[in-house]
Protein backbone atom coordinates (compact mmCIF):
# COMPACT_ATOMS: atom_id res chain seq x y z
CA MET A 1 99.55 114.09 95.19
CA LYS A 2 96.55 114.54 97.48
CA SER A 3 93.88 111.87 97.05
CA PRO A 4 90.38 113.11 96.17
CA TYR A 5 88.96 110.25 98.23
CA SER A 6 88.40 110.45 101.97
CA PHE A 7 85.99 108.11 103.73
CA SER A 8 83.59 109.76 106.16
CA PHE A 9 82.51 106.71 108.17
CA PHE A 10 84.77 103.84 107.04
CA GLN A 11 88.24 103.03 108.33
CA PRO A 12 89.40 100.04 106.26
CA THR A 13 92.40 97.96 107.33
CA PHE A 14 93.69 94.99 105.35
CA PHE A 15 95.30 92.53 107.76
CA SER A 16 96.99 90.29 105.18
CA GLY A 17 99.96 90.14 102.89
CA LEU A 18 99.69 89.39 99.20
CA LEU A 19 99.89 85.61 99.76
CA ASP A 20 98.07 85.37 103.11
CA ASP A 21 94.44 84.48 103.76
CA PRO A 22 92.50 87.63 102.75
CA LEU A 23 91.19 89.52 105.75
CA LEU A 24 89.54 92.94 105.75
CA VAL A 25 88.33 94.90 108.77
CA ILE A 26 86.23 98.03 108.17
CA GLY A 27 85.83 100.27 111.19
CA ILE A 28 82.54 102.19 111.34
CA LYS A 29 83.80 105.33 113.07
CA PRO A 30 80.50 106.88 114.28
CA LEU A 31 79.44 103.59 115.89
CA ASN A 32 82.83 102.50 117.30
CA THR A 33 82.18 99.10 115.74
CA SER A 34 83.71 97.12 112.89
CA ILE A 35 82.75 94.63 110.23
CA LEU A 36 84.96 91.69 109.30
CA VAL A 37 85.12 90.45 105.71
CA ASP A 38 86.27 86.82 105.47
CA CYS A 39 87.72 84.95 108.41
CA GLY A 40 90.80 82.90 107.60
CA GLN A 41 93.82 82.98 109.91
CA ILE A 42 93.12 85.81 112.40
CA ASP A 43 95.48 85.04 115.30
CA HIS A 44 97.52 88.19 114.57
CA ILE A 45 94.52 90.49 115.05
CA ALA A 46 94.25 92.18 118.44
CA LYS A 47 91.45 90.99 120.72
CA ARG A 48 90.08 94.53 121.04
CA THR A 49 89.67 94.65 117.25
CA LEU A 50 87.84 91.32 117.15
CA LYS A 51 85.58 92.40 120.01
CA SER A 52 84.60 95.53 118.06
CA VAL A 53 83.16 93.42 115.23
CA ASP A 54 79.37 93.26 115.15
CA ALA A 55 79.00 91.70 111.68
CA VAL A 56 81.02 89.13 109.72
CA PHE A 57 80.72 88.77 105.94
CA ILE A 58 81.94 85.40 104.64
CA THR A 59 82.44 84.87 100.91
CA HIS A 60 82.50 81.06 101.15
CA THR A 61 83.53 78.33 103.55
CA HIS A 62 86.80 77.13 102.08
CA MET A 63 89.31 76.81 104.91
CA ASP A 64 91.33 79.93 104.08
CA HIS A 65 88.18 82.05 104.40
CA PHE A 66 86.45 80.37 107.34
CA ILE A 67 88.90 78.64 109.67
CA GLY A 68 89.31 81.74 111.83
CA MET A 69 85.69 81.58 113.03
CA ASP A 70 86.85 79.38 115.92
CA SER A 71 89.17 82.14 117.17
CA PHE A 72 86.54 84.78 116.50
CA ILE A 73 83.96 82.90 118.60
CA ARG A 74 86.54 82.31 121.34
CA ASN A 75 87.21 86.06 121.60
CA ASN A 76 83.56 87.11 121.54
CA ILE A 77 81.63 84.42 123.36
CA VAL A 78 81.49 86.32 126.66
CA SER A 79 79.96 89.49 125.26
CA ASN A 80 76.20 89.40 125.87
CA ARG A 81 75.39 90.68 122.39
CA THR A 82 74.16 89.54 118.99
CA ILE A 83 76.66 89.22 116.15
CA ARG A 84 75.42 89.09 112.56
CA ILE A 85 76.95 86.56 110.14
CA TYR A 86 76.36 86.86 106.38
CA GLY A 87 77.37 84.09 104.01
CA PRO A 88 76.30 81.80 101.17
CA GLU A 89 73.76 78.99 101.34
CA SER A 90 74.47 76.34 104.04
CA ILE A 91 76.70 78.62 106.15
CA ALA A 92 74.29 78.46 109.11
CA ARG A 93 74.58 74.65 109.38
CA ARG A 94 78.32 74.80 108.82
CA LEU A 95 78.76 77.40 111.57
CA HIS A 96 76.53 75.39 113.90
CA SER A 97 78.50 72.20 113.17
CA LYS A 98 81.74 74.04 113.94
CA ILE A 99 80.35 75.28 117.27
CA MET A 100 78.89 71.89 118.16
CA ALA A 101 82.35 70.32 117.92
CA TYR A 102 82.84 71.71 121.45
CA ASN A 103 81.10 70.77 124.70
CA TRP A 104 78.65 73.38 126.02
CA ASN A 105 77.63 71.94 129.38
CA LEU A 106 78.79 75.17 131.05
CA VAL A 107 76.90 78.07 129.50
CA GLU A 108 75.96 81.47 130.87
CA GLU A 109 73.16 83.94 130.14
CA TYR A 110 75.71 86.45 128.92
CA PHE A 111 77.03 84.26 126.06
CA CYS A 112 76.69 85.90 122.65
CA ASP A 113 74.08 85.01 120.04
CA PHE A 114 74.63 84.68 116.29
CA GLU A 115 72.10 85.89 113.74
CA VAL A 116 73.01 84.10 110.51
CA TYR A 117 71.87 85.23 107.07
CA GLU A 118 72.20 82.80 104.16
CA ILE A 119 72.25 84.75 100.91
CA SER A 120 71.21 83.23 97.59
CA ASP A 121 70.19 84.83 94.30
CA HIS A 122 66.53 85.10 95.24
CA SER A 123 66.26 84.95 99.04
CA ILE A 124 67.86 85.52 102.43
CA ARG A 125 67.24 82.84 105.07
CA ASN A 126 67.63 83.96 108.67
CA PHE A 127 68.77 81.64 111.49
CA CYS A 128 69.52 82.16 115.19
CA LEU A 129 72.18 80.39 117.26
CA LYS A 130 71.46 81.31 120.88
CA GLY A 131 74.49 81.18 123.17
CA SER A 132 72.63 80.94 126.47
CA GLU A 133 70.84 77.84 125.13
CA GLN A 134 73.96 75.91 124.11
CA PHE A 135 73.77 77.59 120.72
CA SER A 136 70.42 76.09 119.84
CA PHE A 137 69.70 76.27 116.11
CA THR A 138 66.47 77.96 114.96
CA GLU A 139 65.34 79.06 111.52
CA LYS A 140 63.41 82.31 111.81
CA GLU A 141 62.29 83.49 108.37
CA THR A 142 63.01 83.65 104.66
CA ILE A 143 63.02 87.03 102.95
CA LYS A 144 62.65 87.44 99.19
CA ARG A 145 65.54 89.34 97.57
CA THR A 146 64.68 92.14 95.18
CA SER A 147 68.03 93.97 95.17
CA PHE A 148 71.71 93.58 96.07
CA THR A 149 71.05 94.99 99.57
CA VAL A 150 71.56 92.64 102.53
CA TYR A 151 71.88 95.19 105.36
CA GLU A 152 71.76 98.93 105.94
CA ASN A 153 71.75 101.44 108.78
CA ASP A 154 72.16 105.21 109.02
CA HIS A 155 75.85 105.02 108.14
CA TYR A 156 76.39 102.37 105.47
CA LEU A 157 74.79 100.00 102.99
CA ALA A 158 75.99 96.40 102.57
CA GLU A 159 75.32 94.66 99.27
CA ALA A 160 76.08 91.15 98.03
CA ALA A 161 75.85 89.08 94.87
CA VAL A 162 76.40 85.39 94.15
CA CYS A 163 79.25 84.30 91.85
CA ASP A 164 80.57 80.89 90.79
CA HIS A 165 83.73 79.22 92.16
CA LYS A 166 82.42 75.71 91.46
CA ILE A 167 80.44 76.50 94.60
CA PRO A 168 78.40 79.64 95.33
CA VAL A 169 80.67 82.49 96.46
CA LEU A 170 79.54 85.92 97.61
CA ILE A 171 81.07 89.20 96.54
CA PHE A 172 80.42 92.29 98.69
CA LYS A 173 80.19 96.04 98.38
CA PHE A 174 79.97 98.47 101.30
CA THR A 175 78.86 102.04 100.59
CA GLU A 176 78.83 104.97 102.98
CA LYS A 177 75.55 106.77 103.44
CA PRO A 178 75.68 110.53 102.80
CA SER A 179 77.30 112.39 105.67
CA PHE A 180 76.36 115.82 107.02
CA HIS A 181 78.47 118.22 105.01
CA VAL A 182 77.63 121.88 104.50
CA ASP A 183 79.22 124.27 102.04
CA ASP A 184 80.62 127.39 103.75
CA LYS A 185 80.44 129.28 100.47
CA LYS A 186 76.73 128.55 100.13
CA ILE A 187 76.11 129.65 103.73
CA SER A 188 77.99 132.87 103.05
CA ALA A 189 76.17 133.46 99.76
CA MET A 190 72.83 133.08 101.56
CA GLY A 191 73.97 135.69 104.09
CA PHE A 192 73.48 133.27 107.00
CA LYS A 193 75.36 133.76 110.25
CA THR A 194 76.64 130.50 111.74
CA GLY A 195 75.22 129.59 115.13
CA PRO A 196 73.42 126.91 117.17
CA TRP A 197 71.11 126.21 114.24
CA LEU A 198 73.91 124.33 112.47
CA GLU A 199 74.30 121.88 115.36
CA GLN A 200 70.52 121.45 115.52
CA LEU A 201 70.45 120.73 111.80
CA LYS A 202 73.26 118.17 112.18
CA LYS A 203 71.38 116.33 114.94
CA TRP A 204 68.31 116.24 112.72
CA PHE A 205 70.34 114.79 109.85
CA TYR A 206 71.69 111.86 111.86
CA LYS A 207 68.82 111.21 114.25
CA LYS A 208 66.03 112.07 111.82
CA GLN A 209 64.18 113.83 114.61
CA SER A 210 62.51 117.15 113.90
CA PRO A 211 64.57 120.03 115.34
CA GLY A 212 61.48 122.18 115.43
CA GLN A 213 61.81 125.80 114.34
CA LEU A 214 65.30 126.86 113.21
CA ASP A 215 66.13 130.55 113.66
CA ILE A 216 69.02 131.94 111.61
CA ARG A 217 70.46 135.41 112.04
CA LEU A 218 71.86 137.28 109.04
CA GLU A 219 75.42 138.53 108.69
CA THR A 220 74.23 141.91 107.40
CA ASP A 221 71.77 142.52 110.22
CA ASP A 222 72.13 140.53 113.44
CA SER A 223 68.68 141.59 114.58
CA GLU A 224 66.97 140.09 111.54
CA VAL A 225 66.01 136.43 111.87
CA LEU A 226 64.98 133.95 109.20
CA THR A 227 62.84 131.07 110.40
CA PHE A 228 62.82 127.60 108.81
CA ASP A 229 60.21 125.02 109.79
CA ASN A 230 61.45 122.48 107.24
CA PRO A 231 65.01 121.17 107.89
CA ILE A 232 65.07 119.39 104.51
CA GLN A 233 64.51 122.66 102.70
CA LEU A 234 67.27 124.38 104.69
CA TYR A 235 69.78 121.57 104.22
CA ASP A 236 69.17 121.47 100.48
CA LEU A 237 70.14 125.15 100.32
CA ILE A 238 73.53 124.74 102.00
CA LYS A 239 74.63 121.12 101.62
CA ASN A 240 77.88 120.18 99.95
CA GLU A 241 77.21 117.64 97.24
CA SER A 242 79.64 114.77 97.76
CA ARG A 243 80.06 111.30 96.30
CA CYS A 244 79.21 108.36 98.55
CA LEU A 245 82.42 106.32 98.72
CA SER A 246 82.45 102.53 98.65
CA ILE A 247 84.59 99.42 99.18
CA GLY A 248 84.25 96.43 96.86
CA TYR A 249 85.49 92.94 97.76
CA VAL A 250 85.83 90.07 95.26
CA THR A 251 87.63 86.81 95.89
CA ASP A 252 87.75 83.29 94.41
CA VAL A 253 85.63 83.64 91.30
CA GLY A 254 85.96 82.15 87.83
CA PHE A 255 86.41 84.43 84.83
CA THR A 256 83.08 83.47 83.28
CA GLN A 257 80.69 85.75 81.40
CA SER A 258 78.10 85.37 84.17
CA ASN A 259 80.60 86.25 86.90
CA ILE A 260 82.00 89.18 84.93
CA LYS A 261 78.52 90.66 84.48
CA THR A 262 77.69 90.19 88.17
CA ILE A 263 80.96 91.81 89.29
CA LEU A 264 80.59 94.80 86.97
CA ASP A 265 76.96 95.33 87.95
CA LEU A 266 77.72 95.39 91.68
CA MET A 267 81.12 97.11 91.60
CA GLU A 268 80.10 100.11 89.53
CA LYS A 269 81.65 103.35 90.88
CA THR A 270 83.65 101.51 93.56
CA THR A 271 86.20 103.69 95.34
CA LEU A 272 88.44 100.99 96.85
CA PHE A 273 88.40 97.68 94.98
CA LEU A 274 89.92 94.62 96.68
CA CYS A 275 90.13 91.77 94.22
CA GLU A 276 91.76 88.36 94.23
CA CYS A 277 94.34 87.64 91.57
CA THR A 278 95.67 84.17 92.17
CA PHE A 279 97.78 83.53 89.08
CA LEU A 280 100.03 85.28 86.58
CA LYS A 281 98.74 85.43 83.01
CA SER A 282 101.25 82.75 81.98
CA HIS A 283 99.27 80.36 84.23
CA LYS A 284 95.86 81.34 82.87
CA GLN A 285 94.93 77.70 82.27
CA LYS A 286 95.43 76.95 85.98
CA ALA A 287 93.19 79.90 86.78
CA ARG A 288 90.49 78.60 84.46
CA GLU A 289 90.62 75.07 85.88
CA SER A 290 90.40 76.25 89.50
CA PHE A 291 87.94 79.10 88.86
CA HIS A 292 90.30 81.88 89.95
CA LEU A 293 91.47 85.09 88.29
CA CYS A 294 94.84 85.82 86.69
CA THR A 295 96.53 89.18 86.10
CA SER A 296 95.03 89.71 82.63
CA ASP A 297 91.56 89.06 84.07
CA LEU A 298 92.09 91.65 86.79
CA ASN A 299 93.26 94.14 84.17
CA THR A 300 90.01 93.62 82.28
CA LEU A 301 87.88 94.12 85.40
CA SER A 302 89.75 97.19 86.69
CA SER A 303 89.60 98.79 83.24
CA ALA A 304 85.80 98.50 83.30
CA ILE A 305 85.30 99.44 86.98
CA ARG A 306 87.93 102.23 87.09
CA PRO A 307 88.27 102.26 90.89
CA GLY A 308 89.96 105.06 92.79
CA PHE A 309 92.22 102.46 94.43
CA LEU A 310 92.96 98.84 93.51
CA LEU A 311 94.25 96.37 96.09
CA PRO A 312 95.09 92.99 94.48
CA MET A 313 95.19 90.11 96.97
CA HIS A 314 95.24 86.33 97.46
CA LEU A 315 98.12 85.49 95.11
CA SER A 316 98.93 81.76 95.02
CA LYS A 317 101.56 80.63 97.51
CA THR A 318 103.39 78.93 94.62
CA TYR A 319 104.81 82.40 93.91
CA LEU A 320 106.34 82.76 97.39
CA ASN A 321 109.60 84.75 97.20
CA ASN A 322 108.94 85.23 93.48
CA SER A 323 106.04 87.68 93.29
CA GLY A 324 107.94 90.59 91.72
CA SER A 325 106.54 90.03 88.23
CA PHE A 326 102.99 90.04 89.60
CA TYR A 327 102.74 93.82 89.89
CA GLU A 328 104.60 94.27 86.57
CA GLU A 329 101.73 92.51 84.78
CA LEU A 330 99.02 94.79 86.18
CA VAL A 331 97.79 97.65 83.99
CA LEU A 332 95.60 100.21 85.75
CA PRO A 333 93.24 102.71 84.14
CA PHE A 334 94.19 106.39 84.31
CA GLY A 335 93.34 107.93 87.68
CA SER A 336 93.52 104.67 89.63
CA THR A 337 96.07 104.04 92.36
CA LEU A 338 97.62 100.63 92.91
CA ILE A 339 98.12 99.52 96.51
CA LYS A 340 101.01 97.08 96.82
CA LEU A 341 101.23 94.56 99.65
CA PRO A 342 104.24 92.73 101.07
CA GLU A 343 104.20 89.00 100.29
CA ARG A 344 103.49 87.91 103.85
CA ILE A 345 102.80 89.44 107.23
CA LYS A 346 103.61 87.77 110.53
CA ASN A 347 101.96 88.49 113.86
CA THR A 348 101.31 92.19 113.14
CA PRO A 349 98.68 94.03 111.08
CA LEU A 350 99.63 95.79 107.89
CA LEU A 351 100.91 99.27 108.74
CA PRO A 352 100.81 102.38 106.53
CA LYS A 353 104.60 102.32 106.18
CA ASP A 354 104.35 98.89 104.53
CA ILE A 355 102.09 100.12 101.72
CA ILE A 356 103.50 101.31 98.43
CA MET A 357 101.16 103.37 96.23
CA ASN A 358 101.73 103.98 92.53
CA ASN A 359 99.66 106.60 90.68
CA PHE A 360 98.71 105.89 87.08
């Protein structure tokens, strides 16, 4: 069965097994860069992948989500660039304390800088850790939050919300911006002849620079030319309406009414939904005490969100070599596809051949 979902800009790769520290890398194809979501054990990720990362999104600073920052810094320190870090309140000081555990008497001008963004319900605090100055710590500004948005560029939108895990924990959603996509049938119906004007229109779409006058010849009469001075008007005539696909990421949250509302508000219309599910429903009490989700909780969330794909993750290691019943307890809504992970991965990233997909 052919999937109706195909990302235009994103190339997501999950580098963990079902019981490993959760670790998501999303390649941004037009930019040849990546974003990293959570940073637990990352020693199995290739250096070239880590060096492509220009933004790290940390849900919280428990060890299994943050310990890999040492390796990440080690692989990127000599890069002469600025790397953005997004996380909950206090992450800037925690990152600085981690870095300051090392001696920095030998620094170079080409050491990387970190722009850190602490996200709370009502504000984003911005800090700078400057590599060429022994990672000096400076607070730059505080921005009032009026929406879920924490970052956007021409290719994607990053959103975040605060949930409760007995500490503030962030959940994230990444949504592709509309891509240039024309409908051949519409072009044909308009009687337009394809030509250089299409490439000019595409450059306008991505660079937002006026292409000037666009001359289009007609299929019926090559000598007749239609002139468009407004690229927006032309694109509206021939564009292919397509859904903007998204990736949602939820981990380590309690199944409280407040958290449920926050998750459903942010994860609406999510294409690929990665969600922690730490316990089986028979251990629901353990889930409640530790502020994690169990299989019945995930069933409730996926039924409301109705994602195109569901990737459950972060199962408790107490189920090692005994995780078979985990997938049996999951009930997906019609039209969703379950992505199954192996229990553990060792030294290599998850490959397509390791993924089992079940259509519901």
